[in-house]
């Protein structure tokens, strides 16, 4: 085929389209992927920080090893999101349920707490070290009310490998392990929770401001932050109620009539659209008490005089 014939054929073919993603969009997606992998990287120091209590709060139980297949899934999810965001819709019944939960929370008695005491939170969930290594554990944390003293994190691994010498994850072998919680200026203290506004609109704006730049959307970051505050907030009825009313203002909530927490306790659920699927908060159908979620069950919250002691009944 001579050059003239090639030129004529080229004119008959459609012109190549523009790239689906611009170079700066590719860079943005790459940065997003790196943040996803970094947030889930191992962080297992001997001196631990209370999970779920950082300014940029990770979930208490999280994946700590990311296989290549998961990384590919993250890329696929991000690329899918680039096509166009899904419009979140809110169910009126879900908003009504959140407001009823808020009313129940507001009616509870405030628990008196001294600066020299500790907030005790006990949960159950799992940690994924690899596709074949998922450990079930129960965790108790004692965090200083004023944030100025060391606390304690006690992890009881219910399902996991036995202790092995030179195991880098020996702190998560089967059995009970204690880790010191050092004071951290990035951790939200109980006193700082008390200082938050209890007007739902003002509270939501403060949460948005405090989570700016986190998450794929400001709504998903706000929901994660609210979820992290709910256990401690059960001791602060006005704030607890405000958190649920603030959540009702975030689009994408719906009712799950038969939900279960991580331990299998049945309840009514509230499902929130998030960047990585749907987060479901579970509540007792009769009392409307917060039970946790499908990923983590909230077993107990209270106030203790000393780290390591369980609260008085």
C-alpha atoms as a PDB file:
ATOM      1  CA  UNK A   1       0.000   0.000   0.000  1.00  0.00           C
ATOM      2  CA  UNK A   2       1.493   3.317  -1.063  1.00  0.00           C
ATOM      3  CA  UNK A   3       1.467   6.505   1.112  1.00  0.00           C
ATOM      4  CA  UNK A   4      -1.446   8.021  -0.802  1.00  0.00           C
ATOM      5  CA  UNK A   5      -3.610   4.950  -0.197  1.00  0.00           C
ATOM      6  CA  UNK A   6      -2.727   4.946   3.532  1.00  0.00           C
ATOM      7  CA  UNK A   7      -3.692   8.610   3.815  1.00  0.00           C
ATOM      8  CA  UNK A   8      -7.000   7.980   2.078  1.00  0.00           C
ATOM      9  CA  UNK A   9      -7.771   5.022   4.382  1.00  0.00           C
ATOM     10  CA  UNK A  10      -6.881   7.078   7.472  1.00  0.00           C
ATOM     11  CA  UNK A  11      -9.423   9.713   6.488  1.00  0.00           C
ATOM     12  CA  UNK A  12     -12.152   7.006   6.403  1.00  0.00           C
ATOM     13  CA  UNK A  13     -11.412   5.841   9.966  1.00  0.00           C
ATOM     14  CA  UNK A  14     -12.846   7.651  13.042  1.00  0.00           C
ATOM     15  CA  UNK A  15     -10.400   9.894  14.844  1.00  0.00           C
ATOM     16  CA  UNK A  16      -9.044   8.547  18.132  1.00  0.00           C
ATOM     17  CA  UNK A  17     -10.980   9.754  21.177  1.00  0.00           C
ATOM     18  CA  UNK A  18      -9.597  11.787  24.022  1.00  0.00           C
ATOM     19  CA  UNK A  19      -8.238   9.809  27.013  1.00  0.00           C
ATOM     20  CA  UNK A  20     -10.938   8.807  29.501  1.00  0.00           C
ATOM     21  CA  UNK A  21      -8.914  10.362  32.345  1.00  0.00           C
ATOM     22  CA  UNK A  22      -6.635  13.336  32.160  1.00  0.00           C
ATOM     23  CA  UNK A  23      -3.111  13.058  33.517  1.00  0.00           C
ATOM     24  CA  UNK A  24      -3.973  15.071  36.619  1.00  0.00           C
ATOM     25  CA  UNK A  25      -6.965  12.796  37.241  1.00  0.00           C
ATOM     26  CA  UNK A  26      -4.662   9.773  36.968  1.00  0.00           C
ATOM     27  CA  UNK A  27      -2.380  11.402  39.541  1.00  0.00           C
ATOM     28  CA  UNK A  28      -5.348  12.037  41.835  1.00  0.00           C
ATOM     29  CA  UNK A  29      -6.460   8.397  41.606  1.00  0.00           C
ATOM     30  CA  UNK A  30      -2.911   7.230  42.274  1.00  0.00           C
ATOM     31  CA  UNK A  31      -2.703   9.434  45.377  1.00  0.00           C
ATOM     32  CA  UNK A  32      -6.062   8.117  46.555  1.00  0.00           C
ATOM     33  CA  UNK A  33      -4.874   4.524  46.188  1.00  0.00           C
ATOM     34  CA  UNK A  34      -1.706   5.251  48.154  1.00  0.00           C
ATOM     35  CA  UNK A  35      -3.757   6.804  50.959  1.00  0.00           C
ATOM     36  CA  UNK A  36      -5.988   3.710  51.052  1.00  0.00           C
ATOM     37  CA  UNK A  37      -2.982   1.410  51.360  1.00  0.00           C
ATOM     38  CA  UNK A  38      -1.183   3.630  53.887  1.00  0.00           C
ATOM     39  CA  UNK A  39      -4.229   3.879  56.159  1.00  0.00           C
ATOM     40  CA  UNK A  40      -4.410   0.071  56.300  1.00  0.00           C
ATOM     41  CA  UNK A  41      -0.700  -0.586  56.798  1.00  0.00           C
ATOM     42  CA  UNK A  42       0.499  -2.390  59.933  1.00  0.00           C
ATOM     43  CA  UNK A  43       0.808  -0.223  63.034  1.00  0.00           C
ATOM     44  CA  UNK A  44       1.533  -2.480  65.958  1.00  0.00           C
ATOM     45  CA  UNK A  45       3.870  -0.708  68.394  1.00  0.00           C
ATOM     46  CA  UNK A  46       4.416  -1.981  71.929  1.00  0.00           C
ATOM     47  CA  UNK A  47       3.046   1.348  73.151  1.00  0.00           C
ATOM     48  CA  UNK A  48      -0.363   1.593  71.508  1.00  0.00           C
ATOM     49  CA  UNK A  49      -2.799   4.423  70.948  1.00  0.00           C
ATOM     50  CA  UNK A  50      -6.483   3.875  71.596  1.00  0.00           C
ATOM     51  CA  UNK A  51      -8.033   2.803  68.266  1.00  0.00           C
ATOM     52  CA  UNK A  52     -10.854   4.958  66.968  1.00  0.00           C
ATOM     53  CA  UNK A  53      -9.773   7.986  69.025  1.00  0.00           C
ATOM     54  CA  UNK A  54      -7.369   9.815  66.710  1.00  0.00           C
ATOM     55  CA  UNK A  55      -8.134  13.103  65.034  1.00  0.00           C
ATOM     56  CA  UNK A  56      -8.072  11.096  61.819  1.00  0.00           C
ATOM     57  CA  UNK A  57      -9.822   8.186  63.438  1.00  0.00           C
ATOM     58  CA  UNK A  58      -9.285   4.679  62.024  1.00  0.00           C
ATOM     59  CA  UNK A  59     -11.774   1.976  62.855  1.00  0.00           C
ATOM     60  CA  UNK A  60     -10.981   0.031  66.013  1.00  0.00           C
ATOM     61  CA  UNK A  61     -10.583  -3.225  64.077  1.00  0.00           C
ATOM     62  CA  UNK A  62      -9.079  -2.913  60.615  1.00  0.00           C
ATOM     63  CA  UNK A  63      -7.309  -4.808  57.863  1.00  0.00           C
ATOM     64  CA  UNK A  64      -3.607  -4.617  58.641  1.00  0.00           C
ATOM     65  CA  UNK A  65      -2.238  -6.407  55.583  1.00  0.00           C
ATOM     66  CA  UNK A  66      -3.370  -5.506  52.056  1.00  0.00           C
ATOM     67  CA  UNK A  67      -3.000  -8.231  49.393  1.00  0.00           C
ATOM     68  CA  UNK A  68      -2.413  -7.264  45.758  1.00  0.00           C
ATOM     69  CA  UNK A  69      -5.918  -8.416  44.891  1.00  0.00           C
ATOM     70  CA  UNK A  70      -7.346  -5.911  47.368  1.00  0.00           C
ATOM     71  CA  UNK A  71      -5.172  -3.149  45.930  1.00  0.00           C
ATOM     72  CA  UNK A  72      -6.554  -3.967  42.494  1.00  0.00           C
ATOM     73  CA  UNK A  73     -10.080  -3.831  43.894  1.00  0.00           C
ATOM     74  CA  UNK A  74      -9.384  -0.376  45.347  1.00  0.00           C
ATOM     75  CA  UNK A  75      -8.178   0.834  41.944  1.00  0.00           C
ATOM     76  CA  UNK A  76     -11.272  -0.602  40.270  1.00  0.00           C
ATOM     77  CA  UNK A  77     -13.565   1.056  42.800  1.00  0.00           C
ATOM     78  CA  UNK A  78     -11.838   4.414  42.371  1.00  0.00           C
ATOM     79  CA  UNK A  79     -12.001   4.173  38.590  1.00  0.00           C
ATOM     80  CA  UNK A  80     -15.670   3.251  38.784  1.00  0.00           C
ATOM     81  CA  UNK A  81     -16.261   6.309  40.945  1.00  0.00           C
ATOM     82  CA  UNK A  82     -14.606   8.468  38.310  1.00  0.00           C
ATOM     83  CA  UNK A  83     -17.407   7.678  35.859  1.00  0.00           C
ATOM     84  CA  UNK A  84     -19.904   9.588  37.953  1.00  0.00           C
ATOM     85  CA  UNK A  85     -20.983   9.792  41.612  1.00  0.00           C
ATOM     86  CA  UNK A  86     -24.094   8.007  42.776  1.00  0.00           C
ATOM     87  CA  UNK A  87     -26.678  10.353  44.216  1.00  0.00           C
ATOM     88  CA  UNK A  88     -27.386   9.383  47.814  1.00  0.00           C
ATOM     89  CA  UNK A  89     -31.022   9.243  48.840  1.00  0.00           C
ATOM     90  CA  UNK A  90     -32.416   9.322  52.359  1.00  0.00           C
ATOM     91  CA  UNK A  91     -35.333   7.266  53.633  1.00  0.00           C
ATOM     92  CA  UNK A  92     -37.809   9.284  55.703  1.00  0.00           C
ATOM     93  CA  UNK A  93     -38.346   6.249  57.952  1.00  0.00           C
ATOM     94  CA  UNK A  94     -34.593   6.185  58.672  1.00  0.00           C
ATOM     95  CA  UNK A  95     -34.569   9.836  59.654  1.00  0.00           C
ATOM     96  CA  UNK A  96     -37.567   9.230  61.908  1.00  0.00           C
ATOM     97  CA  UNK A  97     -35.768   6.266  63.528  1.00  0.00           C
ATOM     98  CA  UNK A  98     -32.636   8.335  64.134  1.00  0.00           C
ATOM     99  CA  UNK A  99     -34.709  11.037  65.793  1.00  0.00           C
ATOM    100  CA  UNK A 100     -36.446   8.446  68.009  1.00  0.00           C
ATOM    101  CA  UNK A 101     -33.036   7.002  68.967  1.00  0.00           C
ATOM    102  CA  UNK A 102     -31.922  10.540  69.786  1.00  0.00           C
ATOM    103  CA  UNK A 103     -34.942  11.052  72.066  1.00  0.00           C
ATOM    104  CA  UNK A 104     -34.151   7.838  73.946  1.00  0.00           C
ATOM    105  CA  UNK A 105     -30.485   8.829  74.264  1.00  0.00           C
ATOM    106  CA  UNK A 106     -31.340  12.309  75.548  1.00  0.00           C
ATOM    107  CA  UNK A 107     -33.569  10.861  78.280  1.00  0.00           C
ATOM    108  CA  UNK A 108     -30.726   8.894  79.901  1.00  0.00           C
ATOM    109  CA  UNK A 109     -28.919  10.118  83.005  1.00  0.00           C
ATOM    110  CA  UNK A 110     -25.570  11.856  82.693  1.00  0.00           C
ATOM    111  CA  UNK A 111     -22.749   9.847  84.249  1.00  0.00           C
ATOM    112  CA  UNK A 112     -20.526  11.938  86.569  1.00  0.00           C
ATOM    113  CA  UNK A 113     -16.887  11.631  85.546  1.00  0.00           C
ATOM    114  CA  UNK A 114     -13.780  12.908  87.368  1.00  0.00           C
ATOM    115  CA  UNK A 115     -10.525  13.941  85.694  1.00  0.00           C
ATOM    116  CA  UNK A 116      -8.609  11.205  87.534  1.00  0.00           C
ATOM    117  CA  UNK A 117     -10.837   8.439  86.125  1.00  0.00           C
ATOM    118  CA  UNK A 118     -10.765   6.402  82.913  1.00  0.00           C
ATOM    119  CA  UNK A 119     -13.304   5.800  80.153  1.00  0.00           C
ATOM    120  CA  UNK A 120     -13.711   2.051  79.695  1.00  0.00           C
ATOM    121  CA  UNK A 121     -14.843   0.673  76.311  1.00  0.00           C
ATOM    122  CA  UNK A 122     -15.076  -3.037  75.488  1.00  0.00           C
ATOM    123  CA  UNK A 123     -15.643  -4.262  71.928  1.00  0.00           C
ATOM    124  CA  UNK A 124     -15.369  -7.412  69.815  1.00  0.00           C
ATOM    125  CA  UNK A 125     -14.296  -7.645  66.196  1.00  0.00           C
ATOM    126  CA  UNK A 126     -11.583  -9.053  63.977  1.00  0.00           C
ATOM    127  CA  UNK A 127      -8.259  -8.184  62.377  1.00  0.00           C
ATOM    128  CA  UNK A 128      -7.285  -9.404  58.949  1.00  0.00           C
ATOM    129  CA  UNK A 129      -3.564 -10.082  58.654  1.00  0.00           C
ATOM    130  CA  UNK A 130      -3.887 -11.893  55.308  1.00  0.00           C
ATOM    131  CA  UNK A 131      -6.552 -13.702  53.285  1.00  0.00           C
ATOM    132  CA  UNK A 132      -6.026 -16.832  55.395  1.00  0.00           C
ATOM    133  CA  UNK A 133      -5.259 -15.149  58.714  1.00  0.00           C
ATOM    134  CA  UNK A 134      -8.266 -13.415  60.244  1.00  0.00           C
ATOM    135  CA  UNK A 135      -8.118 -13.155  64.028  1.00  0.00           C
ATOM    136  CA  UNK A 136     -11.162 -12.645  66.250  1.00  0.00           C
ATOM    137  CA  UNK A 137     -10.452 -10.536  69.274  1.00  0.00           C
ATOM    138  CA  UNK A 138     -12.081  -8.811  72.200  1.00  0.00           C
ATOM    139  CA  UNK A 139     -10.609  -5.467  73.154  1.00  0.00           C
ATOM    140  CA  UNK A 140     -10.899  -3.301  76.262  1.00  0.00           C
ATOM    141  CA  UNK A 141      -9.455   0.202  76.500  1.00  0.00           C
ATOM    142  CA  UNK A 142      -9.009   2.485  79.486  1.00  0.00           C
ATOM    143  CA  UNK A 143      -8.430   6.094  78.364  1.00  0.00           C
ATOM    144  CA  UNK A 144      -7.669   8.906  80.820  1.00  0.00           C
ATOM    145  CA  UNK A 145     -10.571  11.348  81.052  1.00  0.00           C
ATOM    146  CA  UNK A 146      -8.255  14.365  80.919  1.00  0.00           C
ATOM    147  CA  UNK A 147      -5.962  12.770  78.322  1.00  0.00           C
ATOM    148  CA  UNK A 148      -2.872  13.590  80.393  1.00  0.00           C
ATOM    149  CA  UNK A 149      -2.129  10.149  81.836  1.00  0.00           C
ATOM    150  CA  UNK A 150      -1.249   6.817  80.275  1.00  0.00           C
ATOM    151  CA  UNK A 151      -4.076   4.375  79.662  1.00  0.00           C
ATOM    152  CA  UNK A 152      -4.305   0.695  78.840  1.00  0.00           C
ATOM    153  CA  UNK A 153      -5.333  -1.430  75.889  1.00  0.00           C
ATOM    154  CA  UNK A 154      -6.101  -5.090  76.659  1.00  0.00           C
ATOM    155  CA  UNK A 155      -6.539  -7.396  73.682  1.00  0.00           C
ATOM    156  CA  UNK A 156      -7.832 -10.938  74.110  1.00  0.00           C
ATOM    157  CA  UNK A 157      -7.379 -12.961  70.912  1.00  0.00           C
ATOM    158  CA  UNK A 158     -10.182 -15.525  70.834  1.00  0.00           C
ATOM    159  CA  UNK A 159      -9.311 -17.051  67.475  1.00  0.00           C
ATOM    160  CA  UNK A 160      -5.727 -16.854  66.245  1.00  0.00           C
ATOM    161  CA  UNK A 161      -2.399 -18.668  66.125  1.00  0.00           C
ATOM    162  CA  UNK A 162      -0.527 -19.593  69.310  1.00  0.00           C
ATOM    163  CA  UNK A 163       2.485 -17.562  70.412  1.00  0.00           C
ATOM    164  CA  UNK A 164       5.536 -18.152  68.224  1.00  0.00           C
ATOM    165  CA  UNK A 165       9.059 -16.860  68.946  1.00  0.00           C
ATOM    166  CA  UNK A 166      10.143 -13.996  66.657  1.00  0.00           C
ATOM    167  CA  UNK A 167       6.590 -13.562  65.405  1.00  0.00           C
ATOM    168  CA  UNK A 168       6.276  -9.825  64.500  1.00  0.00           C
ATOM    169  CA  UNK A 169       2.578 -10.061  65.382  1.00  0.00           C
ATOM    170  CA  UNK A 170       3.035 -11.908  68.684  1.00  0.00           C
ATOM    171  CA  UNK A 171       0.998  -9.188  70.419  1.00  0.00           C
ATOM    172  CA  UNK A 172      -1.958 -10.621  68.509  1.00  0.00           C
ATOM    173  CA  UNK A 173      -1.331 -14.318  69.171  1.00  0.00           C
ATOM    174  CA  UNK A 174      -3.993 -16.305  71.016  1.00  0.00           C
ATOM    175  CA  UNK A 175      -4.377 -15.152  74.603  1.00  0.00           C
ATOM    176  CA  UNK A 176      -4.523 -11.807  76.412  1.00  0.00           C
ATOM    177  CA  UNK A 177      -2.024  -9.010  75.819  1.00  0.00           C
ATOM    178  CA  UNK A 178      -1.731  -5.602  77.520  1.00  0.00           C
ATOM    179  CA  UNK A 179      -0.387  -2.504  75.793  1.00  0.00           C
ATOM    180  CA  UNK A 180       0.265   0.887  77.327  1.00  0.00           C
ATOM    181  CA  UNK A 181      -1.710   3.799  75.865  1.00  0.00           C
ATOM    182  CA  UNK A 182       0.528   6.854  75.891  1.00  0.00           C
ATOM    183  CA  UNK A 183      -1.020  10.334  76.093  1.00  0.00           C
ATOM    184  CA  UNK A 184      -1.464  11.669  72.563  1.00  0.00           C
ATOM    185  CA  UNK A 185      -2.406  15.282  71.676  1.00  0.00           C
ATOM    186  CA  UNK A 186      -4.100  13.974  68.509  1.00  0.00           C
ATOM    187  CA  UNK A 187      -6.523  11.829  70.498  1.00  0.00           C
ATOM    188  CA  UNK A 188      -9.931  13.310  71.321  1.00  0.00           C
ATOM    189  CA  UNK A 189     -10.317  13.220  75.099  1.00  0.00           C
ATOM    190  CA  UNK A 190     -13.555  12.760  76.992  1.00  0.00           C
ATOM    191  CA  UNK A 191     -13.353  16.368  78.169  1.00  0.00           C
ATOM    192  CA  UNK A 192     -13.051  17.508  74.550  1.00  0.00           C
ATOM    193  CA  UNK A 193     -16.149  15.483  73.694  1.00  0.00           C
ATOM    194  CA  UNK A 194     -17.994  17.277  76.491  1.00  0.00           C
ATOM    195  CA  UNK A 195     -17.047  20.627  74.941  1.00  0.00           C
ATOM    196  CA  UNK A 196     -18.639  19.820  71.560  1.00  0.00           C
ATOM    197  CA  UNK A 197     -21.850  21.678  70.663  1.00  0.00           C
ATOM    198  CA  UNK A 198     -25.095  19.787  71.210  1.00  0.00           C
ATOM    199  CA  UNK A 199     -26.997  21.681  68.524  1.00  0.00           C
ATOM    200  CA  UNK A 200     -27.086  19.160  65.614  1.00  0.00           C
ATOM    201  CA  UNK A 201     -26.374  21.747  62.897  1.00  0.00           C
ATOM    202  CA  UNK A 202     -23.462  23.303  64.772  1.00  0.00           C
ATOM    203  CA  UNK A 203     -22.128  19.847  65.689  1.00  0.00           C
ATOM    204  CA  UNK A 204     -22.263  18.631  62.100  1.00  0.00           C
ATOM    205  CA  UNK A 205     -20.455  21.724  60.851  1.00  0.00           C
ATOM    206  CA  UNK A 206     -17.724  21.184  63.453  1.00  0.00           C
ATOM    207  CA  UNK A 207     -17.393  17.545  62.427  1.00  0.00           C
ATOM    208  CA  UNK A 208     -17.165  18.550  58.759  1.00  0.00           C
ATOM    209  CA  UNK A 209     -14.467  21.089  59.633  1.00  0.00           C
ATOM    210  CA  UNK A 210     -12.530  18.558  61.720  1.00  0.00           C
ATOM    211  CA  UNK A 211     -12.573  15.896  58.991  1.00  0.00           C
ATOM    212  CA  UNK A 212     -11.867  18.213  56.058  1.00  0.00           C
ATOM    213  CA  UNK A 213      -9.775  16.434  53.426  1.00  0.00           C
ATOM    214  CA  UNK A 214     -10.515  12.978  54.818  1.00  0.00           C
ATOM    215  CA  UNK A 215     -12.472  10.286  53.030  1.00  0.00           C
ATOM    216  CA  UNK A 216     -13.738  10.266  49.469  1.00  0.00           C
ATOM    217  CA  UNK A 217     -16.549  12.610  50.446  1.00  0.00           C
ATOM    218  CA  UNK A 218     -17.068  14.853  53.440  1.00  0.00           C
ATOM    219  CA  UNK A 219     -20.228  12.889  54.267  1.00  0.00           C
ATOM    220  CA  UNK A 220     -18.402   9.552  54.527  1.00  0.00           C
ATOM    221  CA  UNK A 221     -15.655  11.119  56.659  1.00  0.00           C
ATOM    222  CA  UNK A 222     -18.268  12.696  58.950  1.00  0.00           C
ATOM    223  CA  UNK A 223     -20.133   9.409  59.369  1.00  0.00           C
ATOM    224  CA  UNK A 224     -16.929   7.587  60.261  1.00  0.00           C
ATOM    225  CA  UNK A 225     -16.100  10.251  62.836  1.00  0.00           C
ATOM    226  CA  UNK A 226     -19.602  10.089  64.332  1.00  0.00           C
ATOM    227  CA  UNK A 227     -19.385   6.300  64.530  1.00  0.00           C
ATOM    228  CA  UNK A 228     -16.056   6.553  66.354  1.00  0.00           C
ATOM    229  CA  UNK A 229     -17.549   8.933  68.933  1.00  0.00           C
ATOM    230  CA  UNK A 230     -20.724   6.949  69.669  1.00  0.00           C
ATOM    231  CA  UNK A 231     -19.286   4.562  72.334  1.00  0.00           C
ATOM    232  CA  UNK A 232     -17.918   7.342  74.570  1.00  0.00           C
ATOM    233  CA  UNK A 233     -20.925   9.547  73.821  1.00  0.00           C
ATOM    234  CA  UNK A 234     -23.258   7.044  75.503  1.00  0.00           C
ATOM    235  CA  UNK A 235     -22.015   8.636  78.765  1.00  0.00           C
ATOM    236  CA  UNK A 236     -23.045  12.099  77.499  1.00  0.00           C
ATOM    237  CA  UNK A 237     -26.798  11.985  76.729  1.00  0.00           C
ATOM    238  CA  UNK A 238     -27.081  15.445  75.145  1.00  0.00           C
ATOM    239  CA  UNK A 239     -24.101  14.884  72.851  1.00  0.00           C
ATOM    240  CA  UNK A 240     -25.252  11.330  72.085  1.00  0.00           C
ATOM    241  CA  UNK A 241     -28.637  12.642  70.950  1.00  0.00           C
ATOM    242  CA  UNK A 242     -27.009  15.421  68.920  1.00  0.00           C
ATOM    243  CA  UNK A 243     -24.784  12.920  67.103  1.00  0.00           C
ATOM    244  CA  UNK A 244     -27.808  10.908  65.955  1.00  0.00           C
ATOM    245  CA  UNK A 245     -29.660  14.044  64.897  1.00  0.00           C
ATOM    246  CA  UNK A 246     -26.563  15.206  63.017  1.00  0.00           C
ATOM    247  CA  UNK A 247     -26.348  11.817  61.285  1.00  0.00           C
ATOM    248  CA  UNK A 248     -29.977  12.218  60.216  1.00  0.00           C
ATOM    249  CA  UNK A 249     -28.918  15.286  58.212  1.00  0.00           C
ATOM    250  CA  UNK A 250     -26.399  13.304  56.132  1.00  0.00           C
ATOM    251  CA  UNK A 251     -27.970  11.878  52.942  1.00  0.00           C
ATOM    252  CA  UNK A 252     -27.868   8.180  52.158  1.00  0.00           C
ATOM    253  CA  UNK A 253     -29.378   6.594  55.266  1.00  0.00           C
ATOM    254  CA  UNK A 254     -31.897   3.730  55.117  1.00  0.00           C
ATOM    255  CA  UNK A 255     -33.471   1.243  57.545  1.00  0.00           C
ATOM    256  CA  UNK A 256     -32.381  -2.408  57.805  1.00  0.00           C
ATOM    257  CA  UNK A 257     -35.271  -4.208  59.506  1.00  0.00           C
ATOM    258  CA  UNK A 258     -33.248  -7.255  60.614  1.00  0.00           C
ATOM    259  CA  UNK A 259     -29.610  -6.405  61.304  1.00  0.00           C
ATOM    260  CA  UNK A 260     -26.972  -8.181  63.395  1.00  0.00           C
ATOM    261  CA  UNK A 261     -23.878  -6.867  65.121  1.00  0.00           C
ATOM    262  CA  UNK A 262     -20.518  -8.646  64.937  1.00  0.00           C
ATOM    263  CA  UNK A 263     -21.435 -11.063  67.742  1.00  0.00           C
ATOM    264  CA  UNK A 264     -24.748 -11.952  66.117  1.00  0.00           C
ATOM    265  CA  UNK A 265     -27.063  -9.907  68.342  1.00  0.00           C
ATOM    266  CA  UNK A 266     -30.222  -9.061  66.403  1.00  0.00           C
ATOM    267  CA  UNK A 267     -31.573  -5.567  66.143  1.00  0.00           C
ATOM    268  CA  UNK A 268     -32.784  -2.877  63.813  1.00  0.00           C
ATOM    269  CA  UNK A 269     -30.173  -1.295  61.614  1.00  0.00           C
ATOM    270  CA  UNK A 270     -29.399   2.015  59.973  1.00  0.00           C
ATOM    271  CA  UNK A 271     -27.417   1.723  56.772  1.00  0.00           C
ATOM    272  CA  UNK A 272     -25.224   4.566  55.542  1.00  0.00           C
ATOM    273  CA  UNK A 273     -23.735   4.762  52.072  1.00  0.00           C
ATOM    274  CA  UNK A 274     -19.940   5.023  52.346  1.00  0.00           C
ATOM    275  CA  UNK A 275     -16.944   5.001  50.019  1.00  0.00           C
ATOM    276  CA  UNK A 276     -16.279   1.257  50.532  1.00  0.00           C
ATOM    277  CA  UNK A 277     -19.816  -0.064  50.642  1.00  0.00           C
ATOM    278  CA  UNK A 278     -22.400   0.411  53.358  1.00  0.00           C
ATOM    279  CA  UNK A 279     -21.883   0.841  57.078  1.00  0.00           C
ATOM    280  CA  UNK A 280     -24.690  -0.501  59.275  1.00  0.00           C
ATOM    281  CA  UNK A 281     -25.248   0.703  62.837  1.00  0.00           C
ATOM    282  CA  UNK A 282     -27.242  -1.805  64.885  1.00  0.00           C
ATOM    283  CA  UNK A 283     -29.663  -0.942  67.708  1.00  0.00           C
ATOM    284  CA  UNK A 284     -31.671  -3.080  70.109  1.00  0.00           C
ATOM    285  CA  UNK A 285     -35.229  -3.197  68.778  1.00  0.00           C
ATOM    286  CA  UNK A 286     -36.821  -2.567  72.189  1.00  0.00           C
ATOM    287  CA  UNK A 287     -34.457  -0.256  74.056  1.00  0.00           C
ATOM    288  CA  UNK A 288     -32.890   1.335  70.917  1.00  0.00           C
ATOM    289  CA  UNK A 289     -29.505   1.049  72.645  1.00  0.00           C
ATOM    290  CA  UNK A 290     -26.510   1.139  70.307  1.00  0.00           C
ATOM    291  CA  UNK A 291     -25.080  -2.388  69.822  1.00  0.00           C
ATOM    292  CA  UNK A 292     -22.292  -1.509  67.403  1.00  0.00           C
ATOM    293  CA  UNK A 293     -22.085  -2.675  63.812  1.00  0.00           C
ATOM    294  CA  UNK A 294     -21.648  -5.773  61.681  1.00  0.00           C
ATOM    295  CA  UNK A 295     -17.873  -5.178  61.845  1.00  0.00           C
ATOM    296  CA  UNK A 296     -17.589  -4.409  65.555  1.00  0.00           C
ATOM    297  CA  UNK A 297     -19.860  -5.128  68.517  1.00  0.00           C
ATOM    298  CA  UNK A 298     -19.988  -2.678  71.400  1.00  0.00           C
ATOM    299  CA  UNK A 299     -20.094  -4.790  74.573  1.00  0.00           C
ATOM    300  CA  UNK A 300     -19.702  -2.286  77.398  1.00  0.00           C
ATOM    301  CA  UNK A 301     -18.980   1.354  78.194  1.00  0.00           C
ATOM    302  CA  UNK A 302     -18.351   2.794  81.617  1.00  0.00           C
ATOM    303  CA  UNK A 303     -16.109   4.740  83.989  1.00  0.00           C
ATOM    304  CA  UNK A 304     -13.308   3.105  85.968  1.00  0.00           C
ATOM    305  CA  UNK A 305     -11.180   4.460  88.796  1.00  0.00           C
ATOM    306  CA  UNK A 306      -8.012   2.716  87.601  1.00  0.00           C
ATOM    307  CA  UNK A 307      -6.716   1.370  84.289  1.00  0.00           C
ATOM    308  CA  UNK A 308      -7.260  -2.377  84.217  1.00  0.00           C
ATOM    309  CA  UNK A 309     -10.272  -2.314  86.538  1.00  0.00           C
ATOM    310  CA  UNK A 310     -13.790  -2.865  85.234  1.00  0.00           C
ATOM    311  CA  UNK A 311     -16.397  -0.238  86.114  1.00  0.00           C
ATOM    312  CA  UNK A 312     -18.528  -0.796  89.189  1.00  0.00           C
ATOM    313  CA  UNK A 313     -21.958  -2.180  88.363  1.00  0.00           C
END
